[in-house]
Amino acid sequence: MLNLPNGFEMQLLHEALSRARMRRPQAGRTTTSTEATRSARTVAMRGRSRSARDLGVL
């Protein structure tokens, strides 16, 4: 017979599964252990230039 988990066990299971699905931190400099190694400005500027290049503007 299956043992149905109670609410607390379901919450723990859900949390474990969501943590397993989380993306790894951005790969970057090995000296820093922070999650965001690239600034938001750098990411935005590269994204804009890439989309402009894809559209044929640059």
Protein backbone atom coordinates (compact mmCIF):
# COMPACT_ATOMS: atom_id res chain seq x y z
CA MET A 1 0.00 0.00 0.00
CA LEU A 2 1.26 3.49 -0.81
CA ASN A 3 1.98 5.86 2.04
CA LEU A 4 0.53 9.26 1.11
CA PRO A 5 2.70 12.15 2.36
CA ASN A 6 1.16 14.82 4.55
CA GLY A 7 1.29 18.55 3.81
CA PHE A 8 4.68 19.12 5.40
CA GLU A 9 6.29 16.27 3.48
CA MET A 10 4.73 17.53 0.26
CA GLN A 11 6.17 20.99 0.91
CA LEU A 12 9.64 19.54 1.48
CA LEU A 13 9.36 17.44 -1.66
CA HIS A 14 8.22 20.43 -3.73
CA GLU A 15 11.07 22.57 -2.39
CA ALA A 16 13.63 19.89 -3.19
CA LEU A 17 12.33 19.47 -6.72
CA SER A 18 12.27 23.22 -7.37
CA ARG A 19 15.86 23.53 -6.11
CA ALA A 20 16.90 20.70 -8.40
CA ARG A 21 15.37 22.53 -11.37
CA MET A 22 17.08 25.86 -10.59
CA ARG A 23 19.71 27.01 -13.05
CA ARG A 24 23.30 26.99 -11.95
CA PRO A 25 24.97 30.36 -11.25
CA GLN A 26 26.44 32.15 -14.23
CA ALA A 27 29.86 30.86 -15.15
CA GLY A 28 32.44 33.58 -14.86
CA ARG A 29 35.51 34.50 -12.89
CA THR A 30 36.66 31.74 -10.60
CA THR A 31 37.84 34.15 -7.90
CA THR A 32 34.35 35.38 -7.11
CA SER A 33 31.69 33.20 -5.59
CA THR A 34 28.84 35.62 -6.23
CA GLU A 35 25.98 34.42 -8.36
CA ALA A 36 25.84 37.32 -10.81
CA THR A 37 29.30 37.71 -12.27
CA ARG A 38 28.14 39.96 -15.10
CA SER A 39 26.49 43.27 -14.40
CA ALA A 40 22.96 43.87 -15.62
CA ARG A 41 24.27 46.75 -17.74
CA THR A 42 26.73 44.47 -19.53
CA VAL A 43 24.05 41.87 -20.19
CA ALA A 44 21.65 44.53 -21.51
CA MET A 45 24.26 46.16 -23.77
CA ARG A 46 25.31 42.84 -25.28
CA GLY A 47 21.70 41.85 -25.81
CA ARG A 48 20.92 45.12 -27.57
CA SER A 49 23.93 44.89 -29.83
CA ARG A 50 23.16 41.25 -30.64
CA SER A 51 19.55 42.00 -31.52
CA ALA A 52 20.61 45.01 -33.60
CA ARG A 53 23.12 42.85 -35.46
CA ASP A 54 20.46 40.18 -36.04
CA LEU A 55 18.09 42.81 -37.42
CA GLY A 56 20.78 44.16 -39.73
CA VAL A 57 21.08 47.58 -38.09
CA LEU A 58 24.80 47.22 -37.38
